[in-house]
Protein backbone atom coordinates (compact mmCIF):
# COMPACT_ATOMS: atom_id res chain seq x y z
CA MET A 1 232.11 216.30 71.57
CA PRO A 2 234.09 213.16 70.60
CA THR A 3 235.79 213.15 67.23
CA THR A 4 234.97 210.63 64.52
CA THR A 5 238.30 208.94 65.22
CA ASP A 6 237.44 208.62 68.92
CA LEU A 7 234.05 207.13 68.10
CA THR A 8 235.54 204.68 65.59
CA ARG A 9 238.12 203.56 68.17
CA ALA A 10 235.45 203.17 70.85
CA ALA A 11 233.27 201.10 68.51
CA ALA A 12 236.19 198.79 67.66
CA LEU A 13 237.04 198.38 71.34
CA PHE A 14 233.46 197.58 72.34
CA HIS A 15 233.18 195.12 69.44
CA ALA A 16 236.40 193.41 70.56
CA LEU A 17 235.06 193.08 74.11
CA SER A 18 231.63 191.79 73.05
CA ASP A 19 232.58 188.14 72.60
CA GLU A 20 233.08 185.46 75.27
CA THR A 21 236.06 183.89 73.50
CA ARG A 22 237.84 187.24 73.19
CA LEU A 23 237.16 187.97 76.86
CA ALA A 24 238.62 184.55 77.72
CA VAL A 25 241.75 185.40 75.69
CA ILE A 26 242.10 188.66 77.61
CA GLY A 27 241.75 186.75 80.87
CA LEU A 28 244.51 184.34 79.87
CA LEU A 29 246.80 187.18 78.82
CA ARG A 30 246.36 188.99 82.15
CA ASP A 31 249.22 186.95 83.60
CA GLY A 32 251.57 187.65 80.68
CA GLU A 33 252.46 186.79 77.12
CA HIS A 34 251.31 183.50 75.59
CA CYS A 35 251.94 181.84 72.26
CA VAL A 36 249.01 180.89 70.07
CA CYS A 37 249.55 177.21 70.82
CA ASP A 38 249.06 177.85 74.56
CA LEU A 39 245.91 179.87 73.96
CA GLN A 40 244.58 177.23 71.58
CA GLY A 41 245.05 174.50 74.17
CA ALA A 42 243.62 176.52 77.05
CA LEU A 43 240.52 177.50 75.09
CA ASP A 44 240.14 174.22 73.19
CA ALA A 45 239.68 176.32 70.06
CA ALA A 46 240.48 175.62 66.44
CA GLN A 47 243.45 177.60 65.14
CA SER A 48 241.43 179.39 62.46
CA ARG A 49 238.75 180.45 64.95
CA LEU A 50 241.32 181.67 67.46
CA SER A 51 243.23 183.57 64.75
CA PHE A 52 240.04 185.44 63.86
CA HIS A 53 239.47 186.46 67.48
CA LEU A 54 243.10 187.50 67.95
CA LYS A 55 242.91 189.64 64.81
CA VAL A 56 239.84 191.44 66.16
CA LEU A 57 241.64 192.08 69.45
CA LYS A 58 244.78 193.26 67.67
CA ASP A 59 242.87 195.54 65.28
CA ALA A 60 241.15 197.12 68.31
CA GLY A 61 244.50 197.71 69.98
CA VAL A 62 243.78 195.35 72.87
CA VAL A 63 246.68 192.97 72.20
CA THR A 64 250.08 193.12 70.58
CA ASP A 65 251.89 190.29 68.85
CA ARG A 66 255.50 189.24 68.52
CA LYS A 67 256.87 186.62 66.14
CA ASP A 68 259.47 184.19 67.43
CA GLY A 69 260.42 181.80 64.66
CA ARG A 70 257.25 180.08 63.56
CA TRP A 71 255.32 181.00 66.72
CA VAL A 72 253.38 184.17 67.40
CA HIS A 73 253.15 185.39 70.98
CA TYR A 74 250.37 187.70 72.17
CA ALA A 75 250.23 190.08 75.11
CA LEU A 76 247.84 192.72 76.36
CA ASP A 77 248.68 196.22 75.15
CA PRO A 78 249.41 198.12 78.38
CA ASP A 79 248.51 201.48 76.81
CA THR A 80 244.96 200.29 76.17
CA PHE A 81 244.47 199.36 79.82
CA ALA A 82 246.21 202.42 81.29
């Protein structure tokens, strides 16, 4: 029987994967790390909208982020996809 923690994690993961924009972000990150500006341009998305989607993905453990000066770079979390 799954634990409550396992079920909560599964629900967050399924929620993160239930949106076309978030799936598009995952597709773009398959070939490596990208800064928000690259993702914004590739998806033709407003910064605020993209930030929301990236937060959902990060909270679910799908992506990681790294700050470099004023830019934030995102990558897929390899442990999630192992």
